[in-house]
Amino acid sequence: MNTNSYEEAFDKFINSRDYDRVEEALFSFARACFEAGYKAAGGVAADGDKVIDILRRSLDD
């Protein structure tokens, strides 16, 4: 299935804003799951801006 047209379409997707949105959603989901487990184990989540939020804000400016 790795034809040139397939690779070109995948390359176009991976370099698109749609991919960035999917990747961001997956990262947010993984972070929320980790935080829930961390808190359930007795940990205290840090307050303040998350690194990913700071980077996203600076890229949107």
N, C-alpha and C. Protein backbone atom coordinates (compact mmCIF):
# COMPACT_ATOMS: atom_id res chain seq x y z
N MET A 1 0.82 -1.21 0.00
CA MET A 1 0.00 0.00 0.00
C MET A 1 0.85 1.26 0.00
N ASN A 2 2.13 1.15 0.15
CA ASN A 2 2.99 2.32 0.18
C ASN A 2 3.34 2.79 -1.23
N THR A 3 2.34 3.19 -1.97
CA THR A 3 2.55 3.73 -3.30
C THR A 3 2.94 5.20 -3.18
N ASN A 4 3.42 5.75 -4.26
CA ASN A 4 3.79 7.17 -4.24
C ASN A 4 2.62 8.06 -3.89
N SER A 5 1.44 7.76 -4.41
CA SER A 5 0.27 8.60 -4.12
C SER A 5 -0.11 8.49 -2.64
N TYR A 6 0.03 7.30 -2.08
CA TYR A 6 -0.23 7.11 -0.64
C TYR A 6 0.74 7.95 0.18
N GLU A 7 2.02 7.85 -0.13
CA GLU A 7 3.04 8.61 0.60
C GLU A 7 2.83 10.11 0.45
N GLU A 8 2.48 10.55 -0.72
CA GLU A 8 2.22 11.97 -0.94
C GLU A 8 1.02 12.45 -0.13
N ALA A 9 -0.04 11.64 -0.11
CA ALA A 9 -1.24 12.01 0.67
C ALA A 9 -0.92 12.03 2.16
N PHE A 10 -0.15 11.04 2.63
CA PHE A 10 0.22 11.00 4.05
C PHE A 10 1.10 12.19 4.40
N ASP A 11 2.05 12.51 3.55
CA ASP A 11 2.93 13.66 3.77
C ASP A 11 2.12 14.95 3.84
N LYS A 12 1.15 15.08 2.96
CA LYS A 12 0.29 16.27 2.97
C LYS A 12 -0.49 16.36 4.28
N PHE A 13 -1.03 15.22 4.74
CA PHE A 13 -1.77 15.20 6.01
C PHE A 13 -0.87 15.51 7.19
N ILE A 14 0.29 14.89 7.26
CA ILE A 14 1.18 15.03 8.41
C ILE A 14 1.69 16.48 8.54
N ASN A 15 1.68 17.21 7.44
CA ASN A 15 2.14 18.59 7.45
C ASN A 15 1.00 19.59 7.46
N SER A 16 -0.20 19.13 7.80
CA SER A 16 -1.37 20.01 7.78
C SER A 16 -1.78 20.45 9.19
N ARG A 17 -2.60 21.45 9.24
CA ARG A 17 -3.16 21.92 10.51
C ARG A 17 -4.09 20.86 11.10
N ASP A 18 -4.74 20.07 10.26
CA ASP A 18 -5.60 19.00 10.77
C ASP A 18 -4.78 18.02 11.61
N TYR A 19 -3.60 17.65 11.13
CA TYR A 19 -2.75 16.74 11.89
C TYR A 19 -2.34 17.39 13.22
N ASP A 20 -1.99 18.66 13.18
CA ASP A 20 -1.61 19.36 14.40
C ASP A 20 -2.74 19.32 15.43
N ARG A 21 -3.97 19.49 14.97
CA ARG A 21 -5.12 19.44 15.88
C ARG A 21 -5.30 18.04 16.48
N VAL A 22 -5.14 17.02 15.66
CA VAL A 22 -5.26 15.64 16.15
C VAL A 22 -4.15 15.35 17.16
N GLU A 23 -2.94 15.74 16.83
CA GLU A 23 -1.81 15.50 17.72
C GLU A 23 -2.00 16.23 19.05
N GLU A 24 -2.48 17.46 19.00
CA GLU A 24 -2.72 18.22 20.21
C GLU A 24 -3.80 17.57 21.07
N ALA A 25 -4.86 17.08 20.43
CA ALA A 25 -5.94 16.41 21.17
C ALA A 25 -5.43 15.14 21.84
N LEU A 26 -4.63 14.36 21.13
CA LEU A 26 -4.08 13.14 21.72
C LEU A 26 -3.15 13.45 22.88
N PHE A 27 -2.32 14.49 22.73
CA PHE A 27 -1.43 14.89 23.82
C PHE A 27 -2.23 15.35 25.03
N SER A 28 -3.26 16.15 24.80
CA SER A 28 -4.11 16.63 25.91
C SER A 28 -4.78 15.47 26.62
N PHE A 29 -5.25 14.49 25.84
CA PHE A 29 -5.88 13.31 26.41
C PHE A 29 -4.88 12.51 27.26
N ALA A 30 -3.68 12.30 26.73
CA ALA A 30 -2.65 11.56 27.47
C ALA A 30 -2.27 12.30 28.75
N ARG A 31 -2.16 13.62 28.67
CA ARG A 31 -1.81 14.41 29.85
C ARG A 31 -2.91 14.34 30.91
N ALA A 32 -4.16 14.43 30.48
CA ALA A 32 -5.28 14.36 31.42
C ALA A 32 -5.34 12.99 32.08
N CYS A 33 -5.10 11.94 31.32
CA CYS A 33 -5.09 10.58 31.89
C CYS A 33 -3.96 10.43 32.90
N PHE A 34 -2.78 10.92 32.55
CA PHE A 34 -1.65 10.85 33.47
C PHE A 34 -1.93 11.63 34.74
N GLU A 35 -2.47 12.84 34.59
CA GLU A 35 -2.77 13.67 35.75
C GLU A 35 -3.78 12.99 36.67
N ALA A 36 -4.81 12.37 36.09
CA ALA A 36 -5.81 11.68 36.89
C ALA A 36 -5.18 10.53 37.67
N GLY A 37 -4.33 9.76 37.02
CA GLY A 37 -3.64 8.66 37.70
C GLY A 37 -2.68 9.16 38.76
N TYR A 38 -1.99 10.24 38.45
CA TYR A 38 -1.03 10.82 39.38
C TYR A 38 -1.74 11.30 40.65
N LYS A 39 -2.86 11.98 40.45
CA LYS A 39 -3.64 12.46 41.60
C LYS A 39 -4.23 11.29 42.38
N ALA A 40 -4.70 10.26 41.67
CA ALA A 40 -5.28 9.08 42.34
C ALA A 40 -4.23 8.36 43.19
N ALA A 41 -2.97 8.47 42.80
CA ALA A 41 -1.89 7.83 43.54
C ALA A 41 -1.39 8.72 44.68
N GLY A 42 -2.03 9.87 44.87
CA GLY A 42 -1.66 10.76 45.97
C GLY A 42 -0.77 11.92 45.59
N GLY A 43 -0.47 12.05 44.32
CA GLY A 43 0.36 13.16 43.86
C GLY A 43 -0.44 14.45 43.76
N VAL A 44 0.26 15.55 43.72
CA VAL A 44 -0.37 16.86 43.58
C VAL A 44 0.13 17.46 42.27
N ALA A 45 -0.80 17.75 41.39
CA ALA A 45 -0.43 18.33 40.09
C ALA A 45 0.05 19.76 40.28
N ALA A 46 1.01 20.16 39.46
CA ALA A 46 1.57 21.51 39.53
C ALA A 46 0.55 22.53 39.03
N ASP A 47 0.54 23.70 39.64
CA ASP A 47 -0.31 24.80 39.17
C ASP A 47 0.47 25.62 38.16
N GLY A 48 -0.25 26.40 37.40
CA GLY A 48 0.40 27.32 36.46
C GLY A 48 0.25 26.86 35.03
N ASP A 49 0.87 27.63 34.14
CA ASP A 49 0.80 27.34 32.72
C ASP A 49 1.54 26.05 32.39
N LYS A 50 0.96 25.29 31.50
CA LYS A 50 1.62 24.10 30.98
C LYS A 50 2.51 24.53 29.83
N VAL A 51 3.61 23.85 29.61
CA VAL A 51 4.53 24.21 28.55
C VAL A 51 3.83 24.23 27.20
N ILE A 52 2.97 23.26 26.95
CA ILE A 52 2.30 23.19 25.65
C ILE A 52 1.38 24.39 25.44
N ASP A 53 0.76 24.90 26.49
CA ASP A 53 -0.09 26.08 26.36
C ASP A 53 0.75 27.31 26.02
N ILE A 54 1.89 27.45 26.64
CA ILE A 54 2.77 28.58 26.38
C ILE A 54 3.24 28.56 24.93
N LEU A 55 3.66 27.38 24.46
CA LEU A 55 4.12 27.26 23.08
C LEU A 55 3.00 27.55 22.09
N ARG A 56 1.81 27.04 22.38
CA ARG A 56 0.70 27.25 21.46
C ARG A 56 0.34 28.73 21.39
N ARG A 57 0.32 29.41 22.53
CA ARG A 57 0.00 30.84 22.53
C ARG A 57 1.03 31.61 21.71
N SER A 58 2.31 31.30 21.88
CA SER A 58 3.34 32.05 21.17
C SER A 58 3.28 31.78 19.67
N LEU A 59 2.87 30.57 19.27
CA LEU A 59 2.76 30.26 17.84
C LEU A 59 1.55 30.92 17.21
N ASP A 60 0.50 31.14 18.00
CA ASP A 60 -0.72 31.75 17.48
C ASP A 60 -0.59 33.26 17.33
N ASP A 61 0.37 33.88 18.00
CA ASP A 61 0.53 35.34 17.94
C ASP A 61 1.02 35.81 16.61
